[in-house]
């Protein structure tokens, strides 16, 4: 049975709450030279797609940051969130990325 449609007001409220929560998480990621960006969201299905950027591309614990940090926080504080996916922007070379943050790095070669 399909879920009841979400009103425009509820959709806007969910998106506002998601953006506020991501803005709350970002300073912790930025403190190590990275960043957290919301790529896309499906409000009706509860799917959120994020990306770690900057120094996160060379950090050995970026997958843990996504799963144990970002995903856990979003699901705990936003009951409508069912799935969080994401990845790391690997457009920076590892030396530049490692120079941006304090975390350990793992070259991608």
C-alpha atoms as a PDB file:
ATOM      1  CA  UNK A   1       0.000   0.000   0.000  1.00  0.00           C
ATOM      2  CA  UNK A   2       1.516   3.360  -1.019  1.00  0.00           C
ATOM      3  CA  UNK A   3       2.243   5.909   1.681  1.00  0.00           C
ATOM      4  CA  UNK A   4       0.008   8.916   2.068  1.00  0.00           C
ATOM      5  CA  UNK A   5       1.135  11.855  -0.041  1.00  0.00           C
ATOM      6  CA  UNK A   6       3.257  14.431   1.750  1.00  0.00           C
ATOM      7  CA  UNK A   7       1.932  17.984   1.768  1.00  0.00           C
ATOM      8  CA  UNK A   8       4.024  20.803   0.363  1.00  0.00           C
ATOM      9  CA  UNK A   9       4.350  22.232   3.878  1.00  0.00           C
ATOM     10  CA  UNK A  10       5.594  18.901   5.257  1.00  0.00           C
ATOM     11  CA  UNK A  11       8.008  18.523   2.327  1.00  0.00           C
ATOM     12  CA  UNK A  12       9.409  22.015   2.964  1.00  0.00           C
ATOM     13  CA  UNK A  13       9.685  21.347   6.714  1.00  0.00           C
ATOM     14  CA  UNK A  14      11.569  18.081   6.164  1.00  0.00           C
ATOM     15  CA  UNK A  15      13.988  19.707   3.722  1.00  0.00           C
ATOM     16  CA  UNK A  16      14.538  22.638   6.093  1.00  0.00           C
ATOM     17  CA  UNK A  17      15.265  20.272   8.981  1.00  0.00           C
ATOM     18  CA  UNK A  18      17.676  18.238   6.856  1.00  0.00           C
ATOM     19  CA  UNK A  19      19.589  21.314   5.721  1.00  0.00           C
ATOM     20  CA  UNK A  20      19.776  22.639   9.284  1.00  0.00           C
ATOM     21  CA  UNK A  21      21.110  19.311  10.547  1.00  0.00           C
ATOM     22  CA  UNK A  22      23.737  19.104   7.811  1.00  0.00           C
ATOM     23  CA  UNK A  23      24.782  22.669   8.642  1.00  0.00           C
ATOM     24  CA  UNK A  24      25.125  21.553  12.264  1.00  0.00           C
ATOM     25  CA  UNK A  25      27.387  18.619  11.284  1.00  0.00           C
ATOM     26  CA  UNK A  26      29.541  20.514   8.763  1.00  0.00           C
ATOM     27  CA  UNK A  27      31.797  22.420  11.213  1.00  0.00           C
ATOM     28  CA  UNK A  28      33.087  19.145  12.679  1.00  0.00           C
ATOM     29  CA  UNK A  29      34.039  17.941   9.198  1.00  0.00           C
ATOM     30  CA  UNK A  30      35.415  21.353   8.202  1.00  0.00           C
ATOM     31  CA  UNK A  31      37.646  21.413  11.302  1.00  0.00           C
ATOM     32  CA  UNK A  32      39.724  18.680   9.640  1.00  0.00           C
ATOM     33  CA  UNK A  33      39.850  20.374   6.237  1.00  0.00           C
ATOM     34  CA  UNK A  34      36.853  18.613   4.718  1.00  0.00           C
ATOM     35  CA  UNK A  35      33.265  19.456   4.003  1.00  0.00           C
ATOM     36  CA  UNK A  36      29.868  17.784   3.844  1.00  0.00           C
ATOM     37  CA  UNK A  37      27.548  18.541   0.935  1.00  0.00           C
ATOM     38  CA  UNK A  38      23.953  17.479   0.338  1.00  0.00           C
ATOM     39  CA  UNK A  39      23.783  16.128  -3.218  1.00  0.00           C
ATOM     40  CA  UNK A  40      20.175  15.001  -3.430  1.00  0.00           C
ATOM     41  CA  UNK A  41      17.205  14.025  -1.322  1.00  0.00           C
ATOM     42  CA  UNK A  42      14.015  12.085  -1.961  1.00  0.00           C
ATOM     43  CA  UNK A  43      11.676  13.358   0.740  1.00  0.00           C
ATOM     44  CA  UNK A  44       8.919  10.861  -0.054  1.00  0.00           C
ATOM     45  CA  UNK A  45      11.162   7.790   0.057  1.00  0.00           C
ATOM     46  CA  UNK A  46      13.407   9.054   2.866  1.00  0.00           C
ATOM     47  CA  UNK A  47      16.632   8.791   0.864  1.00  0.00           C
ATOM     48  CA  UNK A  48      19.506  11.228   1.332  1.00  0.00           C
ATOM     49  CA  UNK A  49      22.707  11.362  -0.714  1.00  0.00           C
ATOM     50  CA  UNK A  50      25.698  13.302   0.629  1.00  0.00           C
ATOM     51  CA  UNK A  51      29.339  13.758  -0.298  1.00  0.00           C
ATOM     52  CA  UNK A  52      32.461  14.345   1.760  1.00  0.00           C
ATOM     53  CA  UNK A  53      34.890  16.761   0.140  1.00  0.00           C
ATOM     54  CA  UNK A  54      38.310  18.300   0.676  1.00  0.00           C
ATOM     55  CA  UNK A  55      40.661  16.482   3.038  1.00  0.00           C
ATOM     56  CA  UNK A  56      38.057  13.731   3.425  1.00  0.00           C
ATOM     57  CA  UNK A  57      39.168  12.255   0.111  1.00  0.00           C
ATOM     58  CA  UNK A  58      42.446  11.142   1.656  1.00  0.00           C
ATOM     59  CA  UNK A  59      41.211  10.413   5.176  1.00  0.00           C
ATOM     60  CA  UNK A  60      41.372   6.805   6.336  1.00  0.00           C
ATOM     61  CA  UNK A  61      38.151   7.137   8.338  1.00  0.00           C
ATOM     62  CA  UNK A  62      35.919   8.892   5.797  1.00  0.00           C
ATOM     63  CA  UNK A  63      33.696   5.796   5.424  1.00  0.00           C
ATOM     64  CA  UNK A  64      33.283   5.714   9.203  1.00  0.00           C
ATOM     65  CA  UNK A  65      32.433   9.414   9.209  1.00  0.00           C
ATOM     66  CA  UNK A  66      29.671   8.732   6.692  1.00  0.00           C
ATOM     67  CA  UNK A  67      28.225   5.650   8.382  1.00  0.00           C
ATOM     68  CA  UNK A  68      28.820   6.086  12.093  1.00  0.00           C
ATOM     69  CA  UNK A  69      28.581   9.855  12.007  1.00  0.00           C
ATOM     70  CA  UNK A  70      26.439  11.389   9.301  1.00  0.00           C
ATOM     71  CA  UNK A  71      24.068   8.464   8.690  1.00  0.00           C
ATOM     72  CA  UNK A  72      23.546   7.779  12.398  1.00  0.00           C
ATOM     73  CA  UNK A  73      22.822  11.432  13.210  1.00  0.00           C
ATOM     74  CA  UNK A  74      20.435  11.932  10.290  1.00  0.00           C
ATOM     75  CA  UNK A  75      18.455   8.779  11.069  1.00  0.00           C
ATOM     76  CA  UNK A  76      18.298   9.499  14.810  1.00  0.00           C
ATOM     77  CA  UNK A  77      17.150  13.102  14.468  1.00  0.00           C
ATOM     78  CA  UNK A  78      15.011  12.902  11.346  1.00  0.00           C
ATOM     79  CA  UNK A  79      12.614   9.943  11.677  1.00  0.00           C
ATOM     80  CA  UNK A  80      11.581  10.157   8.021  1.00  0.00           C
ATOM     81  CA  UNK A  81      15.152   9.390   6.826  1.00  0.00           C
ATOM     82  CA  UNK A  82      15.358   5.709   5.847  1.00  0.00           C
ATOM     83  CA  UNK A  83      18.579   5.544   3.845  1.00  0.00           C
ATOM     84  CA  UNK A  84      21.741   7.630   3.693  1.00  0.00           C
ATOM     85  CA  UNK A  85      24.184   7.071   0.872  1.00  0.00           C
ATOM     86  CA  UNK A  86      27.268   8.963  -0.001  1.00  0.00           C
ATOM     87  CA  UNK A  87      30.789   8.966  -1.082  1.00  0.00           C
ATOM     88  CA  UNK A  88      33.944  10.967  -1.164  1.00  0.00           C
ATOM     89  CA  UNK A  89      34.878  13.527  -3.775  1.00  0.00           C
ATOM     90  CA  UNK A  90      38.189  12.221  -5.049  1.00  0.00           C
ATOM     91  CA  UNK A  91      38.880  15.074  -7.457  1.00  0.00           C
ATOM     92  CA  UNK A  92      41.809  16.334  -5.339  1.00  0.00           C
ATOM     93  CA  UNK A  93      45.150  14.602  -5.533  1.00  0.00           C
ATOM     94  CA  UNK A  94      46.095  12.885  -2.265  1.00  0.00           C
ATOM     95  CA  UNK A  95      48.899  15.317  -1.384  1.00  0.00           C
ATOM     96  CA  UNK A  96      46.636  18.362  -1.607  1.00  0.00           C
ATOM     97  CA  UNK A  97      43.883  16.567   0.245  1.00  0.00           C
ATOM     98  CA  UNK A  98      46.209  15.386   3.019  1.00  0.00           C
ATOM     99  CA  UNK A  99      47.610  18.892   3.416  1.00  0.00           C
ATOM    100  CA  UNK A 100      44.106  20.250   4.122  1.00  0.00           C
ATOM    101  CA  UNK A 101      43.370  18.241   7.234  1.00  0.00           C
ATOM    102  CA  UNK A 102      44.771  16.666  10.345  1.00  0.00           C
ATOM    103  CA  UNK A 103      43.385  13.164   9.815  1.00  0.00           C
ATOM    104  CA  UNK A 104      45.375  10.224   8.551  1.00  0.00           C
ATOM    105  CA  UNK A 105      45.441   9.820   4.814  1.00  0.00           C
ATOM    106  CA  UNK A 106      45.470   6.827   2.564  1.00  0.00           C
ATOM    107  CA  UNK A 107      46.676   7.409  -0.985  1.00  0.00           C
ATOM    108  CA  UNK A 108      44.337   5.998  -3.614  1.00  0.00           C
ATOM    109  CA  UNK A 109      47.171   4.359  -5.573  1.00  0.00           C
END
